[in-house]
Amino acid sequence: MDTLLAAFSDGIDRVFGPPLRAFFHPIDRLFIPISAPWWKACAVALFLCAILWVFSLRKEYVNLDAPRKNLWCDLRLWTVLALSPHITIYLWF
């Protein structure tokens, strides 16, 4: 099983590695001088900006086709819940 997984991983690396490296290498070089805590802070700030933007939208606009007007049908709340694992992962790692 391990050899099959290693062969699959090598195949993926051979096919997708060169174009991904060509795309991400300049971006990696741009971010090398910036320390890791700033990366985390920027990523979390972007997620928090998305949450604030969602809550800046009118409730009537966001929940236009909601079956009920209860709190658990508010899509803005579900956006925050959906982004919470992403924010946790960025803070954790």
PDB file of N, CA and C in Angstrom:
ATOM      1  N   MET A   1       0.823  -1.199   0.000  1.00  0.00           N
ATOM      2  CA  MET A   1       0.000   0.000   0.000  1.00  0.00           C
ATOM      3  C   MET A   1       0.865   1.260   0.000  1.00  0.00           C
ATOM      4  N   ASP A   2       1.966   1.231   0.768  1.00  0.00           N
ATOM      5  CA  ASP A   2       2.849   2.391   0.828  1.00  0.00           C
ATOM      6  C   ASP A   2       3.534   2.645  -0.511  1.00  0.00           C
ATOM      7  N   THR A   3       3.906   1.580  -1.205  1.00  0.00           N
ATOM      8  CA  THR A   3       4.568   1.762  -2.500  1.00  0.00           C
ATOM      9  C   THR A   3       3.591   2.332  -3.529  1.00  0.00           C
ATOM     10  N   LEU A   4       2.340   1.895  -3.448  1.00  0.00           N
ATOM     11  CA  LEU A   4       1.324   2.426  -4.359  1.00  0.00           C
ATOM     12  C   LEU A   4       1.098   3.914  -4.091  1.00  0.00           C
ATOM     13  N   LEU A   5       1.044   4.273  -2.833  1.00  0.00           N
ATOM     14  CA  LEU A   5       0.861   5.673  -2.471  1.00  0.00           C
ATOM     15  C   LEU A   5       2.078   6.509  -2.885  1.00  0.00           C
ATOM     16  N   ALA A   6       3.271   5.977  -2.715  1.00  0.00           N
ATOM     17  CA  ALA A   6       4.482   6.682  -3.129  1.00  0.00           C
ATOM     18  C   ALA A   6       4.523   6.847  -4.647  1.00  0.00           C
ATOM     19  N   ALA A   7       4.111   5.817  -5.386  1.00  0.00           N
ATOM     20  CA  ALA A   7       4.089   5.912  -6.846  1.00  0.00           C
ATOM     21  C   ALA A   7       3.069   6.944  -7.307  1.00  0.00           C
ATOM     22  N   PHE A   8       1.919   6.977  -6.653  1.00  0.00           N
ATOM     23  CA  PHE A   8       0.891   7.956  -6.986  1.00  0.00           C
ATOM     24  C   PHE A   8       1.399   9.375  -6.699  1.00  0.00           C
ATOM     25  N   SER A   9       2.048   9.545  -5.551  1.00  0.00           N
ATOM     26  CA  SER A   9       2.580  10.850  -5.172  1.00  0.00           C
ATOM     27  C   SER A   9       3.664  11.308  -6.155  1.00  0.00           C
ATOM     28  N   ASP A  10       4.533  10.394  -6.562  1.00  0.00           N
ATOM     29  CA  ASP A  10       5.574  10.730  -7.536  1.00  0.00           C
ATOM     30  C   ASP A  10       4.970  11.110  -8.887  1.00  0.00           C
ATOM     31  N   GLY A  11       3.929  10.390  -9.289  1.00  0.00           N
ATOM     32  CA  GLY A  11       3.263  10.698 -10.553  1.00  0.00           C
ATOM     33  C   GLY A  11       2.608  12.074 -10.524  1.00  0.00           C
ATOM     34  N   ILE A  12       1.955  12.391  -9.423  1.00  0.00           N
ATOM     35  CA  ILE A  12       1.333  13.712  -9.274  1.00  0.00           C
ATOM     36  C   ILE A  12       2.411  14.797  -9.312  1.00  0.00           C
ATOM     37  N   ASP A  13       3.533  14.531  -8.641  1.00  0.00           N
ATOM     38  CA  ASP A  13       4.625  15.508  -8.616  1.00  0.00           C
ATOM     39  C   ASP A  13       5.218  15.714 -10.006  1.00  0.00           C
ATOM     40  N   ARG A  14       5.351  14.641 -10.783  1.00  0.00           N
ATOM     41  CA  ARG A  14       5.892  14.765 -12.140  1.00  0.00           C
ATOM     42  C   ARG A  14       4.958  15.536 -13.063  1.00  0.00           C
ATOM     43  N   VAL A  15       3.655  15.320 -12.898  1.00  0.00           N
ATOM     44  CA  VAL A  15       2.698  15.970 -13.795  1.00  0.00           C
ATOM     45  C   VAL A  15       2.442  17.422 -13.386  1.00  0.00           C
ATOM     46  N   PHE A  16       2.124  17.620 -12.110  1.00  0.00           N
ATOM     47  CA  PHE A  16       1.705  18.950 -11.662  1.00  0.00           C
ATOM     48  C   PHE A  16       2.831  19.777 -11.042  1.00  0.00           C
ATOM     49  N   GLY A  17       3.950  19.148 -10.707  1.00  0.00           N
ATOM     50  CA  GLY A  17       5.044  19.859 -10.052  1.00  0.00           C
ATOM     51  C   GLY A  17       5.629  21.001 -10.860  1.00  0.00           C
ATOM     52  N   PRO A  18       6.046  20.766 -12.107  1.00  0.00           N
ATOM     53  CA  PRO A  18       6.672  21.858 -12.872  1.00  0.00           C
ATOM     54  C   PRO A  18       5.776  23.088 -13.085  1.00  0.00           C
ATOM     55  N   PRO A  19       4.515  22.925 -13.493  1.00  0.00           N
ATOM     56  CA  PRO A  19       3.726  24.160 -13.665  1.00  0.00           C
ATOM     57  C   PRO A  19       3.430  24.859 -12.335  1.00  0.00           C
ATOM     58  N   LEU A  20       3.216  24.083 -11.271  1.00  0.00           N
ATOM     59  CA  LEU A  20       2.953  24.710  -9.978  1.00  0.00           C
ATOM     60  C   LEU A  20       4.197  25.427  -9.455  1.00  0.00           C
ATOM     61  N   ARG A  21       5.376  24.814  -9.635  1.00  0.00           N
ATOM     62  CA  ARG A  21       6.607  25.474  -9.207  1.00  0.00           C
ATOM     63  C   ARG A  21       6.839  26.756 -10.015  1.00  0.00           C
ATOM     64  N   ALA A  22       6.555  26.705 -11.308  1.00  0.00           N
ATOM     65  CA  ALA A  22       6.738  27.897 -12.142  1.00  0.00           C
ATOM     66  C   ALA A  22       5.823  29.030 -11.680  1.00  0.00           C
ATOM     67  N   PHE A  23       4.638  28.689 -11.239  1.00  0.00           N
ATOM     68  CA  PHE A  23       3.695  29.710 -10.786  1.00  0.00           C
ATOM     69  C   PHE A  23       4.033  30.213  -9.382  1.00  0.00           C
ATOM     70  N   PHE A  24       4.337  29.292  -8.456  1.00  0.00           N
ATOM     71  CA  PHE A  24       4.502  29.669  -7.055  1.00  0.00           C
ATOM     72  C   PHE A  24       5.917  30.096  -6.679  1.00  0.00           C
ATOM     73  N   HIS A  25       6.920  29.792  -7.493  1.00  0.00           N
ATOM     74  CA  HIS A  25       8.289  30.164  -7.144  1.00  0.00           C
ATOM     75  C   HIS A  25       8.461  31.683  -6.988  1.00  0.00           C
ATOM     76  N   PRO A  26       7.953  32.507  -7.914  1.00  0.00           N
ATOM     77  CA  PRO A  26       8.079  33.962  -7.700  1.00  0.00           C
ATOM     78  C   PRO A  26       7.328  34.444  -6.455  1.00  0.00           C
ATOM     79  N   ILE A  27       6.195  33.841  -6.175  1.00  0.00           N
ATOM     80  CA  ILE A  27       5.436  34.218  -4.985  1.00  0.00           C
ATOM     81  C   ILE A  27       6.203  33.826  -3.727  1.00  0.00           C
ATOM     82  N   ASP A  28       6.794  32.632  -3.724  1.00  0.00           N
ATOM     83  CA  ASP A  28       7.602  32.198  -2.583  1.00  0.00           C
ATOM     84  C   ASP A  28       8.783  33.130  -2.362  1.00  0.00           C
ATOM     85  N   ARG A  29       9.445  33.533  -3.426  1.00  0.00           N
ATOM     86  CA  ARG A  29      10.585  34.447  -3.287  1.00  0.00           C
ATOM     87  C   ARG A  29      10.149  35.794  -2.742  1.00  0.00           C
ATOM     88  N   LEU A  30       8.939  36.217  -3.074  1.00  0.00           N
ATOM     89  CA  LEU A  30       8.420  37.480  -2.566  1.00  0.00           C
ATOM     90  C   LEU A  30       8.183  37.415  -1.050  1.00  0.00           C
ATOM     91  N   PHE A  31       7.725  36.254  -0.563  1.00  0.00           N
ATOM     92  CA  PHE A  31       7.371  36.135   0.848  1.00  0.00           C
ATOM     93  C   PHE A  31       8.499  35.625   1.736  1.00  0.00           C
ATOM     94  N   ILE A  32       9.643  35.246   1.173  1.00  0.00           N
ATOM     95  CA  ILE A  32      10.751  34.735   1.990  1.00  0.00           C
ATOM     96  C   ILE A  32      11.216  35.759   3.031  1.00  0.00           C
ATOM     97  N   PRO A  33      11.358  37.049   2.684  1.00  0.00           N
ATOM     98  CA  PRO A  33      11.834  37.996   3.707  1.00  0.00           C
ATOM     99  C   PRO A  33      10.833  38.266   4.840  1.00  0.00           C
ATOM    100  N   ILE A  34       9.578  37.923   4.623  1.00  0.00           N
ATOM    101  CA  ILE A  34       8.547  38.188   5.633  1.00  0.00           C
ATOM    102  C   ILE A  34       8.510  37.013   6.603  1.00  0.00           C
ATOM    103  N   SER A  35       8.463  37.307   7.879  1.00  0.00           N
ATOM    104  CA  SER A  35       8.470  36.225   8.871  1.00  0.00           C
ATOM    105  C   SER A  35       7.099  35.564   8.970  1.00  0.00           C
ATOM    106  N   ALA A  36       7.082  34.345   9.486  1.00  0.00           N
ATOM    107  CA  ALA A  36       5.868  33.525   9.551  1.00  0.00           C
ATOM    108  C   ALA A  36       4.741  34.158  10.374  1.00  0.00           C
ATOM    109  N   PRO A  37       5.008  34.810  11.509  1.00  0.00           N
ATOM    110  CA  PRO A  37       3.879  35.404  12.247  1.00  0.00           C
ATOM    111  C   PRO A  37       3.111  36.432  11.424  1.00  0.00           C
ATOM    112  N   TRP A  38       3.789  37.135  10.529  1.00  0.00           N
ATOM    113  CA  TRP A  38       3.085  38.100   9.686  1.00  0.00           C
ATOM    114  C   TRP A  38       2.199  37.407   8.663  1.00  0.00           C
ATOM    115  N   TRP A  39       2.625  36.239   8.181  1.00  0.00           N
ATOM    116  CA  TRP A  39       1.771  35.472   7.256  1.00  0.00           C
ATOM    117  C   TRP A  39       0.472  35.098   7.939  1.00  0.00           C
ATOM    118  N   LYS A  40       0.594  34.584   9.154  1.00  0.00           N
ATOM    119  CA  LYS A  40      -0.601  34.184   9.900  1.00  0.00           C
ATOM    120  C   LYS A  40      -1.511  35.377  10.148  1.00  0.00           C
ATOM    121  N   ALA A  41      -0.912  36.480  10.554  1.00  0.00           N
ATOM    122  CA  ALA A  41      -1.707  37.668  10.847  1.00  0.00           C
ATOM    123  C   ALA A  41      -2.443  38.160   9.606  1.00  0.00           C
ATOM    124  N   CYS A  42      -1.779  38.136   8.470  1.00  0.00           N
ATOM    125  CA  CYS A  42      -2.424  38.574   7.222  1.00  0.00           C
ATOM    126  C   CYS A  42      -3.552  37.635   6.815  1.00  0.00           C
ATOM    127  N   ALA A  43      -3.322  36.335   6.945  1.00  0.00           N
ATOM    128  CA  ALA A  43      -4.361  35.366   6.576  1.00  0.00           C
ATOM    129  C   ALA A  43      -5.575  35.494   7.488  1.00  0.00           C
ATOM    130  N   VAL A  44      -5.351  35.589   8.778  1.00  0.00           N
ATOM    131  CA  VAL A  44      -6.469  35.736   9.717  1.00  0.00           C
ATOM    132  C   VAL A  44      -7.184  37.061   9.479  1.00  0.00           C
ATOM    133  N   ALA A  45      -6.435  38.121   9.184  1.00  0.00           N
ATOM    134  CA  ALA A  45      -7.061  39.419   8.909  1.00  0.00           C
ATOM    135  C   ALA A  45      -7.958  39.347   7.675  1.00  0.00           C
ATOM    136  N   LEU A  46      -7.534  38.616   6.650  1.00  0.00           N
ATOM    137  CA  LEU A  46      -8.384  38.475   5.462  1.00  0.00           C
ATOM    138  C   LEU A  46      -9.679  37.736   5.785  1.00  0.00           C
ATOM    139  N   PHE A  47      -9.589  36.672   6.587  1.00  0.00           N
ATOM    140  CA  PHE A  47     -10.801  35.955   6.989  1.00  0.00           C
ATOM    141  C   PHE A  47     -11.711  36.839   7.832  1.00  0.00           C
ATOM    142  N   LEU A  48     -11.133  37.602   8.746  1.00  0.00           N
ATOM    143  CA  LEU A  48     -11.943  38.490   9.581  1.00  0.00           C
ATOM    144  C   LEU A  48     -12.584  39.600   8.751  1.00  0.00           C
ATOM    145  N   CYS A  49     -11.875  40.086   7.746  1.00  0.00           N
ATOM    146  CA  CYS A  49     -12.474  41.076   6.838  1.00  0.00           C
ATOM    147  C   CYS A  49     -13.660  40.475   6.076  1.00  0.00           C
ATOM    148  N   ALA A  50     -13.537  39.223   5.682  1.00  0.00           N
ATOM    149  CA  ALA A  50     -14.653  38.555   5.001  1.00  0.00           C
ATOM    150  C   ALA A  50     -15.856  38.439   5.935  1.00  0.00           C
ATOM    151  N   ILE A  51     -15.603  38.114   7.193  1.00  0.00           N
ATOM    152  CA  ILE A  51     -16.701  38.010   8.157  1.00  0.00           C
ATOM    153  C   ILE A  51     -17.358  39.369   8.369  1.00  0.00           C
ATOM    154  N   LEU A  52     -16.546  40.401   8.533  1.00  0.00           N
ATOM    155  CA  LEU A  52     -17.114  41.744   8.716  1.00  0.00           C
ATOM    156  C   LEU A  52     -17.892  42.186   7.482  1.00  0.00           C
ATOM    157  N   TRP A  53     -17.387  41.846   6.309  1.00  0.00           N
ATOM    158  CA  TRP A  53     -18.099  42.208   5.085  1.00  0.00           C
ATOM    159  C   TRP A  53     -19.460  41.514   5.012  1.00  0.00           C
ATOM    160  N   VAL A  54     -19.500  40.239   5.387  1.00  0.00           N
ATOM    161  CA  VAL A  54     -20.766  39.504   5.348  1.00  0.00           C
ATOM    162  C   VAL A  54     -21.775  40.134   6.294  1.00  0.00           C
ATOM    163  N   PHE A  55     -21.313  40.542   7.471  1.00  0.00           N
ATOM    164  CA  PHE A  55     -22.240  41.152   8.417  1.00  0.00           C
ATOM    165  C   PHE A  55     -22.591  42.592   8.057  1.00  0.00           C
ATOM    166  N   SER A  56     -21.869  43.186   7.117  1.00  0.00           N
ATOM    167  CA  SER A  56     -22.244  44.520   6.665  1.00  0.00           C
ATOM    168  C   SER A  56     -23.391  44.463   5.647  1.00  0.00           C
ATOM    169  N   LEU A  57     -23.635  43.273   5.091  1.00  0.00           N
ATOM    170  CA  LEU A  57     -24.741  43.115   4.146  1.00  0.00           C
ATOM    171  C   LEU A  57     -26.066  43.125   4.893  1.00  0.00           C
ATOM    172  N   ARG A  58     -27.084  43.606   4.247  1.00  0.00           N
ATOM    173  CA  ARG A  58     -28.398  43.634   4.883  1.00  0.00           C
ATOM    174  C   ARG A  58     -28.922  42.213   5.069  1.00  0.00           C
ATOM    175  N   LYS A  59     -29.555  41.981   6.197  1.00  0.00           N
ATOM    176  CA  LYS A  59     -30.081  40.651   6.517  1.00  0.00           C
ATOM    177  C   LYS A  59     -31.129  40.223   5.482  1.00  0.00           C
ATOM    178  N   GLU A  60     -31.935  41.146   5.035  1.00  0.00           N
ATOM    179  CA  GLU A  60     -32.979  40.815   4.054  1.00  0.00           C
ATOM    180  C   GLU A  60     -32.364  40.374   2.721  1.00  0.00           C
ATOM    181  N   TYR A  61     -31.242  40.963   2.351  1.00  0.00           N
ATOM    182  CA  TYR A  61     -30.580  40.610   1.097  1.00  0.00           C
ATOM    183  C   TYR A  61     -29.935  39.230   1.190  1.00  0.00           C
ATOM    184  N   VAL A  62     -29.267  38.973   2.290  1.00  0.00           N
ATOM    185  CA  VAL A  62     -28.555  37.703   2.450  1.00  0.00           C
ATOM    186  C   VAL A  62     -29.534  36.550   2.579  1.00  0.00           C
ATOM    187  N   ASN A  63     -30.618  36.758   3.291  1.00  0.00           N
ATOM    188  CA  ASN A  63     -31.581  35.684   3.567  1.00  0.00           C
ATOM    189  C   ASN A  63     -32.817  35.786   2.690  1.00  0.00           C
ATOM    190  N   LEU A  64     -32.628  36.179   1.465  1.00  0.00           N
ATOM    191  CA  LEU A  64     -33.748  36.403   0.561  1.00  0.00           C
ATOM    192  C   LEU A  64     -34.611  35.154   0.380  1.00  0.00           C
ATOM    193  N   ASP A  65     -34.001  34.001   0.172  1.00  0.00           N
ATOM    194  CA  ASP A  65     -34.750  32.767  -0.058  1.00  0.00           C
ATOM    195  C   ASP A  65     -34.733  31.835   1.144  1.00  0.00           C
ATOM    196  N   ALA A  66     -34.434  32.353   2.320  1.00  0.00           N
ATOM    197  CA  ALA A  66     -34.406  31.500   3.514  1.00  0.00           C
ATOM    198  C   ALA A  66     -35.811  31.012   3.830  1.00  0.00           C
ATOM    199  N   PRO A  67     -35.951  29.722   4.208  1.00  0.00           N
ATOM    200  CA  PRO A  67     -37.285  29.187   4.475  1.00  0.00           C
ATOM    201  C   PRO A  67     -37.946  29.824   5.697  1.00  0.00           C
ATOM    202  N   ARG A  68     -37.158  30.193   6.680  1.00  0.00           N
ATOM    203  CA  ARG A  68     -37.684  30.844   7.883  1.00  0.00           C
ATOM    204  C   ARG A  68     -36.791  32.027   8.224  1.00  0.00           C
ATOM    205  N   LYS A  69     -37.225  32.834   9.112  1.00  0.00           N
ATOM    206  CA  LYS A  69     -36.453  34.013   9.526  1.00  0.00           C
ATOM    207  C   LYS A  69     -35.784  33.787  10.884  1.00  0.00           C
ATOM    208  N   ASN A  70     -35.622  32.543  11.291  1.00  0.00           N
ATOM    209  CA  ASN A  70     -34.983  32.233  12.565  1.00  0.00           C
ATOM    210  C   ASN A  70     -33.484  32.505  12.490  1.00  0.00           C
ATOM    211  N   LEU A  71     -32.853  32.523  13.666  1.00  0.00           N
ATOM    212  CA  LEU A  71     -31.420  32.797  13.735  1.00  0.00           C
ATOM    213  C   LEU A  71     -30.609  31.734  12.999  1.00  0.00           C
ATOM    214  N   TRP A  72     -30.972  30.462  13.112  1.00  0.00           N
ATOM    215  CA  TRP A  72     -30.194  29.403  12.471  1.00  0.00           C
ATOM    216  C   TRP A  72     -30.388  29.367  10.958  1.00  0.00           C
ATOM    217  N   CYS A  73     -31.303  30.149  10.439  1.00  0.00           N
ATOM    218  CA  CYS A  73     -31.462  30.261   8.982  1.00  0.00           C
ATOM    219  C   CYS A  73     -30.717  31.469   8.417  1.00  0.00           C
ATOM    220  N   ASP A  74     -30.060  32.228   9.278  1.00  0.00           N
ATOM    221  CA  ASP A  74     -29.303  33.397   8.839  1.00  0.00           C
ATOM    222  C   ASP A  74     -27.983  32.930   8.221  1.00  0.00           C
ATOM    223  N   LEU A  75     -27.815  33.172   6.936  1.00  0.00           N
ATOM    224  CA  LEU A  75     -26.628  32.710   6.228  1.00  0.00           C
ATOM    225  C   LEU A  75     -25.358  33.416   6.679  1.00  0.00           C
ATOM    226  N   ARG A  76     -25.495  34.580   7.263  1.00  0.00           N
ATOM    227  CA  ARG A  76     -24.318  35.280   7.778  1.00  0.00           C
ATOM    228  C   ARG A  76     -23.708  34.501   8.942  1.00  0.00           C
ATOM    229  N   LEU A  77     -24.541  33.945   9.783  1.00  0.00           N
ATOM    230  CA  LEU A  77     -24.055  33.124  10.896  1.00  0.00           C
ATOM    231  C   LEU A  77     -23.355  31.873  10.375  1.00  0.00           C
ATOM    232  N   TRP A  78     -23.911  31.245   9.355  1.00  0.00           N
ATOM    233  CA  TRP A  78     -23.295  30.044   8.790  1.00  0.00           C
ATOM    234  C   TRP A  78     -21.970  30.367   8.104  1.00  0.00           C
ATOM    235  N   THR A  79     -21.837  31.572   7.575  1.00  0.00           N
ATOM    236  CA  THR A  79     -20.557  31.980   6.997  1.00  0.00           C
ATOM    237  C   THR A  79     -19.480  32.026   8.066  1.00  0.00           C
ATOM    238  N   VAL A  80     -19.817  32.587   9.216  1.00  0.00           N
ATOM    239  CA  VAL A  80     -18.862  32.641  10.324  1.00  0.00           C
ATOM    240  C   VAL A  80     -18.511  31.229  10.784  1.00  0.00           C
ATOM    241  N   LEU A  81     -19.494  30.371  10.900  1.00  0.00           N
ATOM    242  CA  LEU A  81     -19.235  28.992  11.309  1.00  0.00           C
ATOM    243  C   LEU A  81     -18.388  28.248  10.281  1.00  0.00           C
ATOM    244  N   ALA A  82     -18.606  28.531   9.002  1.00  0.00           N
ATOM    245  CA  ALA A  82     -17.823  27.862   7.957  1.00  0.00           C
ATOM    246  C   ALA A  82     -16.383  28.370   7.922  1.00  0.00           C
ATOM    247  N   LEU A  83     -16.152  29.629   8.249  1.00  0.00           N
ATOM    248  CA  LEU A  83     -14.805  30.181   8.237  1.00  0.00           C
ATOM    249  C   LEU A  83     -14.031  29.873   9.513  1.00  0.00           C
ATOM    250  N   SER A  84     -14.711  29.522  10.569  1.00  0.00           N
ATOM    251  CA  SER A  84     -14.040  29.265  11.854  1.00  0.00           C
ATOM    252  C   SER A  84     -12.975  28.170  11.773  1.00  0.00           C
ATOM    253  N   PRO A  85     -13.219  27.026  11.136  1.00  0.00           N
ATOM    254  CA  PRO A  85     -12.145  26.027  11.030  1.00  0.00           C
ATOM    255  C   PRO A  85     -10.936  26.539  10.255  1.00  0.00           C
ATOM    256  N   HIS A  86     -11.162  27.342   9.229  1.00  0.00           N
ATOM    257  CA  HIS A  86     -10.047  27.885   8.454  1.00  0.00           C
ATOM    258  C   HIS A  86      -9.203  28.823   9.315  1.00  0.00           C
ATOM    259  N   ILE A  87      -9.865  29.682  10.064  1.00  0.00           N
ATOM    260  CA  ILE A  87      -9.129  30.594  10.945  1.00  0.00           C
ATOM    261  C   ILE A  87      -8.368  29.814  11.991  1.00  0.00           C
ATOM    262  N   THR A  88      -8.984  28.772  12.537  1.00  0.00           N
ATOM    263  CA  THR A  88      -8.317  27.945  13.556  1.00  0.00           C
ATOM    264  C   THR A  88      -7.074  27.280  12.979  1.00  0.00           C
ATOM    265  N   ILE A  89      -7.167  26.775  11.769  1.00  0.00           N
ATOM    266  CA  ILE A  89      -6.018  26.121  11.144  1.00  0.00           C
ATOM    267  C   ILE A  89      -4.884  27.127  10.919  1.00  0.00           C
ATOM    268  N   TYR A  90      -5.219  28.323  10.448  1.00  0.00           N
ATOM    269  CA  TYR A  90      -4.174  29.321  10.245  1.00  0.00           C
ATOM    270  C   TYR A  90      -3.541  29.749  11.562  1.00  0.00           C
ATOM    271  N   LEU A  91      -4.313  29.837  12.628  1.00  0.00           N
ATOM    272  CA  LEU A  91      -3.743  30.201  13.927  1.00  0.00           C
ATOM    273  C   LEU A  91      -2.927  29.058  14.515  1.00  0.00           C
ATOM    274  N   TRP A  92      -3.369  27.833  14.260  1.00  0.00           N
ATOM    275  CA  TRP A  92      -2.704  26.655  14.847  1.00  0.00           C
ATOM    276  C   TRP A  92      -1.358  26.383  14.190  1.00  0.00           C
ATOM    277  N   PHE A  93      -1.332  26.423  12.868  1.00  0.00           N
ATOM    278  CA  PHE A  93      -0.101  26.084  12.144  1.00  0.00           C
ATOM    279  C   PHE A  93       0.599  27.344  11.730  1.00  0.00           C
TER     280      PHE A  93
END
